[in-house]
Amino acid sequence: MSTVPDGTIEVSGPAGGTVTVCAHGAPAAEDFAAALTTAAGEASTVLVDLSRVDHFTTEAVAALIPHLQGAGCRVIVTASAAVEGKLARLGLAGIVTPATKSVT
C-alpha cells in the first residue's frame, strides 16, 4: 500500500475531456488553487476528490468557489465528512451532496 504525503495534490488527465484533482491531508490553498486553475484550463469537466482531505482551510474553500461558480467547466466534488461539514457551514453542501430520489 502506497502512502501519499500529507498536503499532496495529484492531477491526472485529461482523459475524455475530464481532469481529476485529488487532494490528500491538508493541501495548501495556493497549491490547490493552482491545480484547479490548471485542470479547468485543460478539460470541460473537473473531478475534485477531497475524500482524502482531513482539514480544509477557509482559504482552500475560497480557491474552490470561483471554479464552482464559473461557467468555464463542470466541476464535480466528492468530499470527506470533515470537508463536507465545512462546505455545509459555508452554504455549499448542495454542491457536494448528491440528491437522492426514490422512484416507486
PDB file of N, CA and C in Angstrom:
ATOM      1  N   MET A   1       0.838  -1.175   0.000  1.00  0.00           N
ATOM      2  CA  MET A   1       0.000   0.000   0.000  1.00  0.00           C
ATOM      3  C   MET A   1       0.884   1.240   0.000  1.00  0.00           C
ATOM      4  N   SER A   2       0.665   2.119  -0.981  1.00  0.00           N
ATOM      5  CA  SER A   2       1.488   3.331  -1.045  1.00  0.00           C
ATOM      6  C   SER A   2       0.888   4.423  -0.173  1.00  0.00           C
ATOM      7  N   THR A   3       1.757   5.232   0.385  1.00  0.00           N
ATOM      8  CA  THR A   3       1.324   6.332   1.223  1.00  0.00           C
ATOM      9  C   THR A   3       1.660   7.634   0.513  1.00  0.00           C
ATOM     10  N   VAL A   4       0.663   8.479   0.360  1.00  0.00           N
ATOM     11  CA  VAL A   4       0.853   9.775  -0.281  1.00  0.00           C
ATOM     12  C   VAL A   4       1.071  10.797   0.829  1.00  0.00           C
ATOM     13  N   PRO A   5       2.105  11.622   0.709  1.00  0.00           N
ATOM     14  CA  PRO A   5       2.396  12.610   1.756  1.00  0.00           C
ATOM     15  C   PRO A   5       1.238  13.594   1.977  1.00  0.00           C
ATOM     16  N   ASP A   6       1.067  13.993   3.221  1.00  0.00           N
ATOM     17  CA  ASP A   6       0.062  14.979   3.599  1.00  0.00           C
ATOM     18  C   ASP A   6       0.256  16.261   2.792  1.00  0.00           C
ATOM     19  N   GLY A   7      -0.823  16.829   2.306  1.00  0.00           N
ATOM     20  CA  GLY A   7      -0.761  18.068   1.556  1.00  0.00           C
ATOM     21  C   GLY A   7      -0.523  17.892   0.067  1.00  0.00           C
ATOM     22  N   THR A   8      -0.399  16.649  -0.389  1.00  0.00           N
ATOM     23  CA  THR A   8      -0.156  16.378  -1.806  1.00  0.00           C
ATOM     24  C   THR A   8      -1.427  16.600  -2.623  1.00  0.00           C
ATOM     25  N   ILE A   9      -1.267  17.149  -3.813  1.00  0.00           N
ATOM     26  CA  ILE A   9      -2.371  17.302  -4.749  1.00  0.00           C
ATOM     27  C   ILE A   9      -1.957  16.623  -6.040  1.00  0.00           C
ATOM     28  N   GLU A  10      -2.714  15.598  -6.433  1.00  0.00           N
ATOM     29  CA  GLU A  10      -2.436  14.870  -7.667  1.00  0.00           C
ATOM     30  C   GLU A  10      -3.411  15.332  -8.744  1.00  0.00           C
ATOM     31  N   VAL A  11      -2.883  15.602  -9.924  1.00  0.00           N
ATOM     32  CA  VAL A  11      -3.717  15.986 -11.062  1.00  0.00           C
ATOM     33  C   VAL A  11      -3.487  14.955 -12.152  1.00  0.00           C
ATOM     34  N   SER A  12      -4.570  14.328 -12.609  1.00  0.00           N
ATOM     35  CA  SER A  12      -4.439  13.335 -13.668  1.00  0.00           C
ATOM     36  C   SER A  12      -5.401  13.654 -14.804  1.00  0.00           C
ATOM     37  N   GLY A  13      -4.991  13.301 -15.997  1.00  0.00           N
ATOM     38  CA  GLY A  13      -5.791  13.570 -17.192  1.00  0.00           C
ATOM     39  C   GLY A  13      -5.159  14.675 -17.989  1.00  0.00           C
ATOM     40  N   PRO A  14      -5.796  15.202 -18.971  1.00  0.00           N
ATOM     41  CA  PRO A  14      -7.193  14.934 -19.292  1.00  0.00           C
ATOM     42  C   PRO A  14      -7.378  13.596 -19.993  1.00  0.00           C
ATOM     43  N   ALA A  15      -8.488  12.974 -19.674  1.00  0.00           N
ATOM     44  CA  ALA A  15      -8.898  11.733 -20.317  1.00  0.00           C
ATOM     45  C   ALA A  15     -10.377  11.879 -20.646  1.00  0.00           C
ATOM     46  N   GLY A  16     -10.703  11.847 -21.918  1.00  0.00           N
ATOM     47  CA  GLY A  16     -12.099  12.005 -22.328  1.00  0.00           C
ATOM     48  C   GLY A  16     -12.688  13.339 -21.932  1.00  0.00           C
ATOM     49  N   GLY A  17     -11.869  14.385 -21.883  1.00  0.00           N
ATOM     50  CA  GLY A  17     -12.364  15.710 -21.518  1.00  0.00           C
ATOM     51  C   GLY A  17     -12.470  15.955 -20.028  1.00  0.00           C
ATOM     52  N   THR A  18     -11.927  15.023 -19.215  1.00  0.00           N
ATOM     53  CA  THR A  18     -12.028  15.146 -17.765  1.00  0.00           C
ATOM     54  C   THR A  18     -10.646  15.136 -17.119  1.00  0.00           C
ATOM     55  N   VAL A  19     -10.456  16.041 -16.164  1.00  0.00           N
ATOM     56  CA  VAL A  19      -9.242  16.069 -15.344  1.00  0.00           C
ATOM     57  C   VAL A  19      -9.666  15.807 -13.909  1.00  0.00           C
ATOM     58  N   THR A  20      -8.890  14.988 -13.194  1.00  0.00           N
ATOM     59  CA  THR A  20      -9.158  14.717 -11.783  1.00  0.00           C
ATOM     60  C   THR A  20      -8.116  15.410 -10.921  1.00  0.00           C
ATOM     61  N   VAL A  21      -8.581  16.140  -9.917  1.00  0.00           N
ATOM     62  CA  VAL A  21      -7.720  16.782  -8.930  1.00  0.00           C
ATOM     63  C   VAL A  21      -8.001  16.090  -7.603  1.00  0.00           C
ATOM     64  N   CYS A  22      -7.001  15.376  -7.078  1.00  0.00           N
ATOM     65  CA  CYS A  22      -7.174  14.607  -5.840  1.00  0.00           C
ATOM     66  C   CYS A  22      -6.226  15.165  -4.780  1.00  0.00           C
ATOM     67  N   ALA A  23      -6.801  15.652  -3.692  1.00  0.00           N
ATOM     68  CA  ALA A  23      -6.005  16.229  -2.615  1.00  0.00           C
ATOM     69  C   ALA A  23      -5.925  15.250  -1.443  1.00  0.00           C
ATOM     70  N   HIS A  24      -4.813  15.308  -0.721  1.00  0.00           N
ATOM     71  CA  HIS A  24      -4.572  14.430   0.425  1.00  0.00           C
ATOM     72  C   HIS A  24      -4.208  15.264   1.644  1.00  0.00           C
ATOM     73  N   GLY A  25      -4.733  14.881   2.803  1.00  0.00           N
ATOM     74  CA  GLY A  25      -4.356  15.528   4.055  1.00  0.00           C
ATOM     75  C   GLY A  25      -4.896  16.930   4.178  1.00  0.00           C
ATOM     76  N   ALA A  26      -4.021  17.895   4.193  1.00  0.00           N
ATOM     77  CA  ALA A  26      -4.393  19.307   4.327  1.00  0.00           C
ATOM     78  C   ALA A  26      -3.634  20.099   3.266  1.00  0.00           C
ATOM     79  N   PRO A  27      -4.200  20.211   2.055  1.00  0.00           N
ATOM     80  CA  PRO A  27      -3.484  20.903   0.984  1.00  0.00           C
ATOM     81  C   PRO A  27      -3.367  22.403   1.236  1.00  0.00           C
ATOM     82  N   ALA A  28      -2.242  22.957   0.811  1.00  0.00           N
ATOM     83  CA  ALA A  28      -2.058  24.408   0.901  1.00  0.00           C
ATOM     84  C   ALA A  28      -3.002  25.079  -0.097  1.00  0.00           C
ATOM     85  N   ALA A  29      -3.617  26.161   0.328  1.00  0.00           N
ATOM     86  CA  ALA A  29      -4.611  26.846  -0.502  1.00  0.00           C
ATOM     87  C   ALA A  29      -4.036  27.272  -1.845  1.00  0.00           C
ATOM     88  N   GLU A  30      -2.809  27.775  -1.854  1.00  0.00           N
ATOM     89  CA  GLU A  30      -2.221  28.251  -3.110  1.00  0.00           C
ATOM     90  C   GLU A  30      -1.926  27.094  -4.067  1.00  0.00           C
ATOM     91  N   ASP A  31      -1.520  25.949  -3.528  1.00  0.00           N
ATOM     92  CA  ASP A  31      -1.279  24.767  -4.370  1.00  0.00           C
ATOM     93  C   ASP A  31      -2.590  24.232  -4.932  1.00  0.00           C
ATOM     94  N   PHE A  32      -3.633  24.234  -4.094  1.00  0.00           N
ATOM     95  CA  PHE A  32      -4.946  23.768  -4.526  1.00  0.00           C
ATOM     96  C   PHE A  32      -5.502  24.680  -5.613  1.00  0.00           C
ATOM     97  N   ALA A  33      -5.372  25.992  -5.421  1.00  0.00           N
ATOM     98  CA  ALA A  33      -5.857  26.956  -6.419  1.00  0.00           C
ATOM     99  C   ALA A  33      -5.133  26.770  -7.750  1.00  0.00           C
ATOM    100  N   ALA A  34      -3.814  26.562  -7.703  1.00  0.00           N
ATOM    101  CA  ALA A  34      -3.041  26.368  -8.937  1.00  0.00           C
ATOM    102  C   ALA A  34      -3.464  25.094  -9.650  1.00  0.00           C
ATOM    103  N   ALA A  35      -3.700  24.019  -8.896  1.00  0.00           N
ATOM    104  CA  ALA A  35      -4.129  22.754  -9.502  1.00  0.00           C
ATOM    105  C   ALA A  35      -5.498  22.903 -10.155  1.00  0.00           C
ATOM    106  N   LEU A  36      -6.424  23.599  -9.494  1.00  0.00           N
ATOM    107  CA  LEU A  36      -7.761  23.809 -10.062  1.00  0.00           C
ATOM    108  C   LEU A  36      -7.705  24.659 -11.325  1.00  0.00           C
ATOM    109  N   THR A  37      -6.892  25.697 -11.314  1.00  0.00           N
ATOM    110  CA  THR A  37      -6.763  26.564 -12.475  1.00  0.00           C
ATOM    111  C   THR A  37      -6.202  25.796 -13.663  1.00  0.00           C
ATOM    112  N   THR A  38      -5.184  24.995 -13.426  1.00  0.00           N
ATOM    113  CA  THR A  38      -4.598  24.172 -14.484  1.00  0.00           C
ATOM    114  C   THR A  38      -5.623  23.180 -15.021  1.00  0.00           C
ATOM    115  N   ALA A  39      -6.324  22.504 -14.118  1.00  0.00           N
ATOM    116  CA  ALA A  39      -7.312  21.498 -14.520  1.00  0.00           C
ATOM    117  C   ALA A  39      -8.432  22.124 -15.339  1.00  0.00           C
ATOM    118  N   ALA A  40      -8.936  23.271 -14.900  1.00  0.00           N
ATOM    119  CA  ALA A  40     -10.035  23.928 -15.600  1.00  0.00           C
ATOM    120  C   ALA A  40      -9.619  24.394 -16.991  1.00  0.00           C
ATOM    121  N   GLY A  41      -8.351  24.686 -17.172  1.00  0.00           N
ATOM    122  CA  GLY A  41      -7.862  25.108 -18.475  1.00  0.00           C
ATOM    123  C   GLY A  41      -7.651  23.959 -19.440  1.00  0.00           C
ATOM    124  N   GLU A  42      -7.640  22.724 -18.919  1.00  0.00           N
ATOM    125  CA  GLU A  42      -7.347  21.559 -19.747  1.00  0.00           C
ATOM    126  C   GLU A  42      -8.556  20.698 -20.070  1.00  0.00           C
ATOM    127  N   ALA A  43      -9.694  20.912 -19.386  1.00  0.00           N
ATOM    128  CA  ALA A  43     -10.805  19.978 -19.559  1.00  0.00           C
ATOM    129  C   ALA A  43     -12.147  20.675 -19.408  1.00  0.00           C
ATOM    130  N   SER A  44     -13.177  20.040 -19.948  1.00  0.00           N
ATOM    131  CA  SER A  44     -14.531  20.567 -19.799  1.00  0.00           C
ATOM    132  C   SER A  44     -15.168  20.112 -18.489  1.00  0.00           C
ATOM    133  N   THR A  45     -14.633  19.040 -17.892  1.00  0.00           N
ATOM    134  CA  THR A  45     -15.127  18.545 -16.604  1.00  0.00           C
ATOM    135  C   THR A  45     -13.938  18.344 -15.668  1.00  0.00           C
ATOM    136  N   VAL A  46     -14.081  18.833 -14.445  1.00  0.00           N
ATOM    137  CA  VAL A  46     -13.041  18.654 -13.429  1.00  0.00           C
ATOM    138  C   VAL A  46     -13.659  17.887 -12.261  1.00  0.00           C
ATOM    139  N   LEU A  47     -13.078  16.734 -11.948  1.00  0.00           N
ATOM    140  CA  LEU A  47     -13.489  15.965 -10.777  1.00  0.00           C
ATOM    141  C   LEU A  47     -12.568  16.364  -9.630  1.00  0.00           C
ATOM    142  N   VAL A  48     -13.122  16.879  -8.555  1.00  0.00           N
ATOM    143  CA  VAL A  48     -12.339  17.295  -7.399  1.00  0.00           C
ATOM    144  C   VAL A  48     -12.582  16.282  -6.294  1.00  0.00           C
ATOM    145  N   ASP A  49     -11.558  15.482  -5.990  1.00  0.00           N
ATOM    146  CA  ASP A  49     -11.667  14.439  -4.978  1.00  0.00           C
ATOM    147  C   ASP A  49     -11.051  14.932  -3.674  1.00  0.00           C
ATOM    148  N   LEU A  50     -11.925  15.267  -2.730  1.00  0.00           N
ATOM    149  CA  LEU A  50     -11.484  15.724  -1.412  1.00  0.00           C
ATOM    150  C   LEU A  50     -11.785  14.675  -0.350  1.00  0.00           C
ATOM    151  N   SER A  51     -12.004  13.436  -0.779  1.00  0.00           N
ATOM    152  CA  SER A  51     -12.357  12.375   0.156  1.00  0.00           C
ATOM    153  C   SER A  51     -11.187  11.971   1.054  1.00  0.00           C
ATOM    154  N   ARG A  52      -9.976  12.336   0.671  1.00  0.00           N
ATOM    155  CA  ARG A  52      -8.799  12.006   1.476  1.00  0.00           C
ATOM    156  C   ARG A  52      -8.259  13.220   2.241  1.00  0.00           C
ATOM    157  N   VAL A  53      -9.069  14.280   2.294  1.00  0.00           N
ATOM    158  CA  VAL A  53      -8.660  15.508   2.978  1.00  0.00           C
ATOM    159  C   VAL A  53      -9.224  15.497   4.389  1.00  0.00           C
ATOM    160  N   ASP A  54      -8.352  15.708   5.379  1.00  0.00           N
ATOM    161  CA  ASP A  54      -8.812  15.710   6.761  1.00  0.00           C
ATOM    162  C   ASP A  54      -8.981  17.119   7.320  1.00  0.00           C
ATOM    163  N   HIS A  55      -8.533  18.114   6.591  1.00  0.00           N
ATOM    164  CA  HIS A  55      -8.665  19.504   7.030  1.00  0.00           C
ATOM    165  C   HIS A  55      -8.695  20.386   5.790  1.00  0.00           C
ATOM    166  N   PHE A  56      -9.617  21.295   5.744  1.00  0.00           N
ATOM    167  CA  PHE A  56      -9.756  22.178   4.590  1.00  0.00           C
ATOM    168  C   PHE A  56      -9.877  23.588   5.115  1.00  0.00           C
ATOM    169  N   THR A  57      -8.922  24.439   4.797  1.00  0.00           N
ATOM    170  CA  THR A  57      -8.927  25.800   5.319  1.00  0.00           C
ATOM    171  C   THR A  57      -9.929  26.676   4.576  1.00  0.00           C
ATOM    172  N   THR A  58     -10.268  27.788   5.188  1.00  0.00           N
ATOM    173  CA  THR A  58     -11.160  28.754   4.542  1.00  0.00           C
ATOM    174  C   THR A  58     -10.531  29.253   3.247  1.00  0.00           C
ATOM    175  N   GLU A  59      -9.211  29.403   3.224  1.00  0.00           N
ATOM    176  CA  GLU A  59      -8.520  29.848   2.013  1.00  0.00           C
ATOM    177  C   GLU A  59      -8.646  28.813   0.892  1.00  0.00           C
ATOM    178  N   ALA A  60      -8.587  27.528   1.240  1.00  0.00           N
ATOM    179  CA  ALA A  60      -8.741  26.480   0.235  1.00  0.00           C
ATOM    180  C   ALA A  60     -10.162  26.467  -0.313  1.00  0.00           C
ATOM    181  N   VAL A  61     -11.147  26.683   0.559  1.00  0.00           N
ATOM    182  CA  VAL A  61     -12.537  26.788   0.097  1.00  0.00           C
ATOM    183  C   VAL A  61     -12.669  27.984  -0.837  1.00  0.00           C
ATOM    184  N   ALA A  62     -12.034  29.094  -0.480  1.00  0.00           N
ATOM    185  CA  ALA A  62     -12.082  30.288  -1.325  1.00  0.00           C
ATOM    186  C   ALA A  62     -11.489  30.004  -2.701  1.00  0.00           C
ATOM    187  N   ALA A  63     -10.480  29.134  -2.764  1.00  0.00           N
ATOM    188  CA  ALA A  63      -9.887  28.763  -4.056  1.00  0.00           C
ATOM    189  C   ALA A  63     -10.844  27.911  -4.874  1.00  0.00           C
ATOM    190  N   LEU A  64     -11.682  27.136  -4.205  1.00  0.00           N
ATOM    191  CA  LEU A  64     -12.625  26.249  -4.890  1.00  0.00           C
ATOM    192  C   LEU A  64     -13.848  26.994  -5.423  1.00  0.00           C
ATOM    193  N   ILE A  65     -14.347  27.963  -4.667  1.00  0.00           N
ATOM    194  CA  ILE A  65     -15.603  28.637  -5.001  1.00  0.00           C
ATOM    195  C   ILE A  65     -15.631  29.239  -6.410  1.00  0.00           C
ATOM    196  N   PRO A  66     -14.616  29.968  -6.880  1.00  0.00           N
ATOM    197  CA  PRO A  66     -14.709  30.529  -8.239  1.00  0.00           C
ATOM    198  C   PRO A  66     -14.867  29.454  -9.317  1.00  0.00           C
ATOM    199  N   HIS A  67     -14.286  28.287  -9.096  1.00  0.00           N
ATOM    200  CA  HIS A  67     -14.397  27.208 -10.078  1.00  0.00           C
ATOM    201  C   HIS A  67     -15.796  26.594 -10.059  1.00  0.00           C
ATOM    202  N   LEU A  68     -16.423  26.600  -8.896  1.00  0.00           N
ATOM    203  CA  LEU A  68     -17.782  26.077  -8.793  1.00  0.00           C
ATOM    204  C   LEU A  68     -18.783  27.035  -9.430  1.00  0.00           C
ATOM    205  N   GLN A  69     -18.499  28.327  -9.363  1.00  0.00           N
ATOM    206  CA  GLN A  69     -19.420  29.330  -9.876  1.00  0.00           C
ATOM    207  C   GLN A  69     -19.142  29.714 -11.322  1.00  0.00           C
ATOM    208  N   GLY A  70     -17.944  29.404 -11.815  1.00  0.00           N
ATOM    209  CA  GLY A  70     -17.574  29.795 -13.167  1.00  0.00           C
ATOM    210  C   GLY A  70     -18.293  28.986 -14.223  1.00  0.00           C
ATOM    211  N   ALA A  71     -18.416  29.560 -15.391  1.00  0.00           N
ATOM    212  CA  ALA A  71     -19.105  28.883 -16.486  1.00  0.00           C
ATOM    213  C   ALA A  71     -18.129  28.140 -17.397  1.00  0.00           C
ATOM    214  N   GLY A  72     -16.848  28.173 -17.065  1.00  0.00           N
ATOM    215  CA  GLY A  72     -15.838  27.605 -17.941  1.00  0.00           C
ATOM    216  C   GLY A  72     -15.848  26.093 -18.039  1.00  0.00           C
ATOM    217  N   CYS A  73     -16.166  25.396 -16.963  1.00  0.00           N
ATOM    218  CA  CYS A  73     -16.178  23.941 -16.982  1.00  0.00           C
ATOM    219  C   CYS A  73     -17.090  23.422 -15.886  1.00  0.00           C
ATOM    220  N   ARG A  74     -17.426  22.159 -15.983  1.00  0.00           N
ATOM    221  CA  ARG A  74     -18.262  21.497 -14.987  1.00  0.00           C
ATOM    222  C   ARG A  74     -17.348  20.954 -13.894  1.00  0.00           C
ATOM    223  N   VAL A  75     -17.680  21.214 -12.635  1.00  0.00           N
ATOM    224  CA  VAL A  75     -16.876  20.765 -11.504  1.00  0.00           C
ATOM    225  C   VAL A  75     -17.724  19.822 -10.659  1.00  0.00           C
ATOM    226  N   ILE A  76     -17.200  18.615 -10.408  1.00  0.00           N
ATOM    227  CA  ILE A  76     -17.877  17.632  -9.572  1.00  0.00           C
ATOM    228  C   ILE A  76     -16.995  17.384  -8.352  1.00  0.00           C
ATOM    229  N   VAL A  77     -17.559  17.564  -7.156  1.00  0.00           N
ATOM    230  CA  VAL A  77     -16.786  17.462  -5.923  1.00  0.00           C
ATOM    231  C   VAL A  77     -17.255  16.280  -5.086  1.00  0.00           C
ATOM    232  N   THR A  78     -16.299  15.456  -4.641  1.00  0.00           N
ATOM    233  CA  THR A  78     -16.569  14.456  -3.609  1.00  0.00           C
ATOM    234  C   THR A  78     -15.720  14.851  -2.405  1.00  0.00           C
ATOM    235  N   ALA A  79     -16.277  14.688  -1.212  1.00  0.00           N
ATOM    236  CA  ALA A  79     -15.573  15.197  -0.041  1.00  0.00           C
ATOM    237  C   ALA A  79     -15.663  14.244   1.134  1.00  0.00           C
ATOM    238  N   SER A  80     -14.664  14.342   2.020  1.00  0.00           N
ATOM    239  CA  SER A  80     -14.690  13.613   3.284  1.00  0.00           C
ATOM    240  C   SER A  80     -15.730  14.276   4.184  1.00  0.00           C
ATOM    241  N   ALA A  81     -16.099  13.615   5.269  1.00  0.00           N
ATOM    242  CA  ALA A  81     -17.077  14.172   6.199  1.00  0.00           C
ATOM    243  C   ALA A  81     -16.590  15.504   6.776  1.00  0.00           C
ATOM    244  N   ALA A  82     -15.298  15.600   7.063  1.00  0.00           N
ATOM    245  CA  ALA A  82     -14.752  16.836   7.628  1.00  0.00           C
ATOM    246  C   ALA A  82     -14.894  17.998   6.650  1.00  0.00           C
ATOM    247  N   VAL A  83     -14.590  17.742   5.401  1.00  0.00           N
ATOM    248  CA  VAL A  83     -14.676  18.798   4.383  1.00  0.00           C
ATOM    249  C   VAL A  83     -16.137  19.100   4.073  1.00  0.00           C
ATOM    250  N   GLU A  84     -16.954  18.066   3.974  1.00  0.00           N
ATOM    251  CA  GLU A  84     -18.370  18.265   3.684  1.00  0.00           C
ATOM    252  C   GLU A  84     -19.018  19.148   4.747  1.00  0.00           C
ATOM    253  N   GLY A  85     -18.652  18.932   6.011  1.00  0.00           N
ATOM    254  CA  GLY A  85     -19.179  19.755   7.096  1.00  0.00           C
ATOM    255  C   GLY A  85     -18.767  21.211   6.951  1.00  0.00           C
ATOM    256  N   LYS A  86     -17.533  21.433   6.583  1.00  0.00           N
ATOM    257  CA  LYS A  86     -17.050  22.811   6.397  1.00  0.00           C
ATOM    258  C   LYS A  86     -17.780  23.466   5.235  1.00  0.00           C
ATOM    259  N   LEU A  87     -17.952  22.744   4.131  1.00  0.00           N
ATOM    260  CA  LEU A  87     -18.661  23.295   2.981  1.00  0.00           C
ATOM    261  C   LEU A  87     -20.125  23.558   3.328  1.00  0.00           C
ATOM    262  N   ALA A  88     -20.730  22.686   4.128  1.00  0.00           N
ATOM    263  CA  ALA A  88     -22.128  22.876   4.544  1.00  0.00           C
ATOM    264  C   ALA A  88     -22.269  24.152   5.370  1.00  0.00           C
ATOM    265  N   ARG A  89     -21.307  24.398   6.275  1.00  0.00           N
ATOM    266  CA  ARG A  89     -21.354  25.611   7.095  1.00  0.00           C
ATOM    267  C   ARG A  89     -21.230  26.865   6.239  1.00  0.00           C
ATOM    268  N   LEU A  90     -20.607  26.728   5.063  1.00  0.00           N
ATOM    269  CA  LEU A  90     -20.457  27.868   4.160  1.00  0.00           C
ATOM    270  C   LEU A  90     -21.583  27.932   3.127  1.00  0.00           C
ATOM    271  N   GLY A  91     -22.583  27.061   3.270  1.00  0.00           N
ATOM    272  CA  GLY A  91     -23.718  27.075   2.360  1.00  0.00           C
ATOM    273  C   GLY A  91     -23.475  26.368   1.044  1.00  0.00           C
ATOM    274  N   LEU A  92     -22.462  25.512   0.975  1.00  0.00           N
ATOM    275  CA  LEU A  92     -22.119  24.820  -0.268  1.00  0.00           C
ATOM    276  C   LEU A  92     -22.427  23.333  -0.220  1.00  0.00           C
ATOM    277  N   ALA A  93     -23.216  22.887   0.735  1.00  0.00           N
ATOM    278  CA  ALA A  93     -23.475  21.452   0.900  1.00  0.00           C
ATOM    279  C   ALA A  93     -24.139  20.849  -0.325  1.00  0.00           C
ATOM    280  N   GLY A  94     -25.011  21.552  -0.985  1.00  0.00           N
ATOM    281  CA  GLY A  94     -25.694  21.019  -2.152  1.00  0.00           C
ATOM    282  C   GLY A  94     -24.760  20.692  -3.293  1.00  0.00           C
ATOM    283  N   ILE A  95     -23.591  21.275  -3.283  1.00  0.00           N
ATOM    284  CA  ILE A  95     -22.625  21.042  -4.349  1.00  0.00           C
ATOM    285  C   ILE A  95     -21.945  19.692  -4.170  1.00  0.00           C
ATOM    286  N   VAL A  96     -21.747  19.273  -2.938  1.00  0.00           N
ATOM    287  CA  VAL A  96     -21.006  18.033  -2.708  1.00  0.00           C
ATOM    288  C   VAL A  96     -21.884  16.862  -2.289  1.00  0.00           C
ATOM    289  N   THR A  97     -23.135  17.114  -1.966  1.00  0.00           N
ATOM    290  CA  THR A  97     -24.020  16.048  -1.542  1.00  0.00           C
ATOM    291  C   THR A  97     -25.061  15.795  -2.629  1.00  0.00           C
ATOM    292  N   PRO A  98     -25.009  14.644  -3.272  1.00  0.00           N
ATOM    293  CA  PRO A  98     -25.984  14.396  -4.330  1.00  0.00           C
ATOM    294  C   PRO A  98     -27.398  14.215  -3.761  1.00  0.00           C
ATOM    295  N   ALA A  99     -28.377  14.657  -4.515  1.00  0.00           N
ATOM    296  CA  ALA A  99     -29.767  14.478  -4.107  1.00  0.00           C
ATOM    297  C   ALA A  99     -30.162  13.032  -4.381  1.00  0.00           C
ATOM    298  N   THR A 100     -30.935  12.457  -3.484  1.00  0.00           N
ATOM    299  CA  THR A 100     -31.400  11.082  -3.633  1.00  0.00           C
ATOM    300  C   THR A 100     -32.904  11.114  -3.860  1.00  0.00           C
ATOM    301  N   LYS A 101     -33.353  10.422  -4.887  1.00  0.00           N
ATOM    302  CA  LYS A 101     -34.780  10.359  -5.184  1.00  0.00           C
ATOM    303  C   LYS A 101     -35.211   8.904  -5.208  1.00  0.00           C
ATOM    304  N   SER A 102     -36.382   8.625  -4.637  1.00  0.00           N
ATOM    305  CA  SER A 102     -36.956   7.295  -4.711  1.00  0.00           C
ATOM    306  C   SER A 102     -37.956   7.254  -5.852  1.00  0.00           C
ATOM    307  N   VAL A 103     -37.887   6.207  -6.613  1.00  0.00           N
ATOM    308  CA  VAL A 103     -38.835   6.027  -7.691  1.00  0.00           C
ATOM    309  C   VAL A 103     -39.629   4.775  -7.376  1.00  0.00           C
ATOM    310  N   THR A 104     -40.937   4.928  -7.255  1.00  0.00           N
ATOM    311  CA  THR A 104     -41.772   3.767  -6.941  1.00  0.00           C
ATOM    312  C   THR A 104     -42.793   3.523  -8.024  1.00  0.00           C
TER     313      THR A 104
END
